[in-house]
Amino acid sequence: MQRELTTKIRNNPKFAELTSKRTAFGWTLSIVMLVIYYGFILVVGFAPKLLGTPIFGVITLGIPLGAAIIVSAFVLTGIYVRRANSEFDELNRQIIEETK
């Protein structure tokens, strides 16, 4: 019974759609985060004086940029969760309904 159910789900075109959309979206967000992070690391390595530029008193440009990287990770996670809770969960619900 379990094997038949698994085969039925995997042969469902909506399952293929769900996995391809979810994978593509996950990779896109991962690449965005890697570009942000490694872009910052490249600036640290090749233009450290830029990050040491004072912007307000003793606060340098590197501090808000570092904080922005941390915040961007939370924002990208929120974007993924929002799409997962709407589009991906709906596809998942449709797959479950069709396999009953």
C-alpha atoms as a PDB file:
ATOM      1  CA  MET A   1       0.000   0.000   0.000  1.00  0.00           C
ATOM      2  CA  GLN A   2       2.740   2.465   0.952  1.00  0.00           C
ATOM      3  CA  ARG A   3       4.706   1.802  -2.234  1.00  0.00           C
ATOM      4  CA  GLU A   4       1.588   2.310  -4.381  1.00  0.00           C
ATOM      5  CA  LEU A   5       0.845   5.599  -2.667  1.00  0.00           C
ATOM      6  CA  THR A   6       4.416   6.779  -3.144  1.00  0.00           C
ATOM      7  CA  THR A   7       4.317   5.858  -6.826  1.00  0.00           C
ATOM      8  CA  LYS A   8       0.976   7.603  -7.289  1.00  0.00           C
ATOM      9  CA  ILE A   9       2.308  10.799  -5.678  1.00  0.00           C
ATOM     10  CA  ARG A  10       5.544  10.786  -7.685  1.00  0.00           C
ATOM     11  CA  ASN A  11       3.640  10.299 -10.950  1.00  0.00           C
ATOM     12  CA  ASN A  12       1.359  13.239 -10.211  1.00  0.00           C
ATOM     13  CA  PRO A  13       2.274  16.197 -12.484  1.00  0.00           C
ATOM     14  CA  LYS A  14       1.577  18.610  -9.621  1.00  0.00           C
ATOM     15  CA  PHE A  15       4.229  16.855  -7.542  1.00  0.00           C
ATOM     16  CA  ALA A  16       6.769  17.442 -10.310  1.00  0.00           C
ATOM     17  CA  GLU A  17       5.639  21.068 -10.487  1.00  0.00           C
ATOM     18  CA  LEU A  18       5.941  21.456  -6.716  1.00  0.00           C
ATOM     19  CA  THR A  19       9.422  19.979  -6.529  1.00  0.00           C
ATOM     20  CA  SER A  20      10.743  21.940  -9.496  1.00  0.00           C
ATOM     21  CA  LYS A  21       9.314  25.267  -8.286  1.00  0.00           C
ATOM     22  CA  ARG A  22      10.482  24.712  -4.721  1.00  0.00           C
ATOM     23  CA  THR A  23      13.969  23.671  -5.815  1.00  0.00           C
ATOM     24  CA  ALA A  24      14.370  26.567  -8.244  1.00  0.00           C
ATOM     25  CA  PHE A  25      13.145  29.088  -5.687  1.00  0.00           C
ATOM     26  CA  GLY A  26      15.408  27.669  -2.987  1.00  0.00           C
ATOM     27  CA  TRP A  27      18.445  27.857  -5.255  1.00  0.00           C
ATOM     28  CA  THR A  28      17.573  31.406  -6.301  1.00  0.00           C
ATOM     29  CA  LEU A  29      17.355  32.596  -2.706  1.00  0.00           C
ATOM     30  CA  SER A  30      20.553  30.713  -1.834  1.00  0.00           C
ATOM     31  CA  ILE A  31      22.428  32.369  -4.685  1.00  0.00           C
ATOM     32  CA  VAL A  32      21.125  35.799  -3.638  1.00  0.00           C
ATOM     33  CA  MET A  33      22.359  35.209  -0.075  1.00  0.00           C
ATOM     34  CA  LEU A  34      25.731  33.932  -1.274  1.00  0.00           C
ATOM     35  CA  VAL A  35      26.192  36.979  -3.520  1.00  0.00           C
ATOM     36  CA  ILE A  36      25.373  39.298  -0.610  1.00  0.00           C
ATOM     37  CA  TYR A  37      27.681  37.491   1.809  1.00  0.00           C
ATOM     38  CA  TYR A  38      30.629  36.913  -0.498  1.00  0.00           C
ATOM     39  CA  GLY A  39      30.248  40.416  -1.917  1.00  0.00           C
ATOM     40  CA  PHE A  40      30.783  41.717   1.601  1.00  0.00           C
ATOM     41  CA  ILE A  41      33.775  39.397   2.087  1.00  0.00           C
ATOM     42  CA  LEU A  42      35.290  40.626  -1.192  1.00  0.00           C
ATOM     43  CA  VAL A  43      34.882  44.227  -0.047  1.00  0.00           C
ATOM     44  CA  VAL A  44      36.566  43.310   3.254  1.00  0.00           C
ATOM     45  CA  GLY A  45      39.423  41.692   1.347  1.00  0.00           C
ATOM     46  CA  PHE A  46      39.940  44.199  -1.445  1.00  0.00           C
ATOM     47  CA  ALA A  47      38.623  47.532  -0.097  1.00  0.00           C
ATOM     48  CA  PRO A  48      38.816  47.460   3.703  1.00  0.00           C
ATOM     49  CA  LYS A  49      39.211  51.242   3.874  1.00  0.00           C
ATOM     50  CA  LEU A  50      35.761  51.596   2.348  1.00  0.00           C
ATOM     51  CA  LEU A  51      34.215  49.744   5.271  1.00  0.00           C
ATOM     52  CA  GLY A  52      36.265  51.847   7.684  1.00  0.00           C
ATOM     53  CA  THR A  53      34.754  55.073   6.374  1.00  0.00           C
ATOM     54  CA  PRO A  54      33.100  56.934   9.267  1.00  0.00           C
ATOM     55  CA  ILE A  55      29.454  57.749   8.625  1.00  0.00           C
ATOM     56  CA  PHE A  56      28.368  59.050  12.037  1.00  0.00           C
ATOM     57  CA  GLY A  57      30.827  59.624  14.847  1.00  0.00           C
ATOM     58  CA  VAL A  58      32.614  56.341  15.564  1.00  0.00           C
ATOM     59  CA  ILE A  59      30.190  54.275  13.476  1.00  0.00           C
ATOM     60  CA  THR A  60      31.787  53.149  10.239  1.00  0.00           C
ATOM     61  CA  LEU A  61      30.161  51.955   7.022  1.00  0.00           C
ATOM     62  CA  GLY A  62      31.020  48.345   7.863  1.00  0.00           C
ATOM     63  CA  ILE A  63      28.716  48.198  10.884  1.00  0.00           C
ATOM     64  CA  PRO A  64      25.413  48.917   9.090  1.00  0.00           C
ATOM     65  CA  LEU A  65      26.500  46.800   6.115  1.00  0.00           C
ATOM     66  CA  GLY A  66      27.236  43.866   8.410  1.00  0.00           C
ATOM     67  CA  ALA A  67      23.873  44.327  10.101  1.00  0.00           C
ATOM     68  CA  ALA A  68      22.190  44.512   6.691  1.00  0.00           C
ATOM     69  CA  ILE A  69      23.676  41.130   5.780  1.00  0.00           C
ATOM     70  CA  ILE A  70      22.199  39.578   8.909  1.00  0.00           C
ATOM     71  CA  VAL A  71      18.832  41.233   8.272  1.00  0.00           C
ATOM     72  CA  SER A  72      18.890  40.093   4.628  1.00  0.00           C
ATOM     73  CA  ALA A  73      19.149  36.469   5.790  1.00  0.00           C
ATOM     74  CA  PHE A  74      15.981  36.930   7.868  1.00  0.00           C
ATOM     75  CA  VAL A  75      14.210  38.720   5.011  1.00  0.00           C
ATOM     76  CA  LEU A  76      15.073  35.988   2.500  1.00  0.00           C
ATOM     77  CA  THR A  77      13.899  33.354   4.972  1.00  0.00           C
ATOM     78  CA  GLY A  78      10.631  35.266   5.389  1.00  0.00           C
ATOM     79  CA  ILE A  79      10.198  35.440   1.622  1.00  0.00           C
ATOM     80  CA  TYR A  80      10.647  31.682   1.373  1.00  0.00           C
ATOM     81  CA  VAL A  81       8.241  30.987   4.247  1.00  0.00           C
ATOM     82  CA  ARG A  82       5.591  33.267   2.751  1.00  0.00           C
ATOM     83  CA  ARG A  83       5.764  31.545  -0.622  1.00  0.00           C
ATOM     84  CA  ALA A  84       5.895  28.100   0.994  1.00  0.00           C
ATOM     85  CA  ASN A  85       2.819  28.847   3.087  1.00  0.00           C
ATOM     86  CA  SER A  86       0.840  30.067   0.094  1.00  0.00           C
ATOM     87  CA  GLU A  87       1.836  28.517  -3.223  1.00  0.00           C
ATOM     88  CA  PHE A  88       3.738  25.416  -2.105  1.00  0.00           C
ATOM     89  CA  ASP A  89       1.243  24.430   0.587  1.00  0.00           C
ATOM     90  CA  GLU A  90      -1.623  24.831  -1.869  1.00  0.00           C
ATOM     91  CA  LEU A  91       0.075  22.513  -4.372  1.00  0.00           C
ATOM     92  CA  ASN A  92       0.756  20.077  -1.549  1.00  0.00           C
ATOM     93  CA  ARG A  93      -2.910  20.169  -0.514  1.00  0.00           C
ATOM     94  CA  GLN A  94      -4.003  19.507  -4.104  1.00  0.00           C
ATOM     95  CA  ILE A  95      -1.638  16.535  -4.355  1.00  0.00           C
ATOM     96  CA  ILE A  96      -2.999  15.075  -1.112  1.00  0.00           C
ATOM     97  CA  GLU A  97      -6.595  15.519  -2.292  1.00  0.00           C
ATOM     98  CA  GLU A  98      -5.855  13.827  -5.613  1.00  0.00           C
ATOM     99  CA  THR A  99      -4.183  10.835  -4.006  1.00  0.00           C
ATOM    100  CA  LYS A 100      -7.018  10.032  -1.572  1.00  0.00           C
END
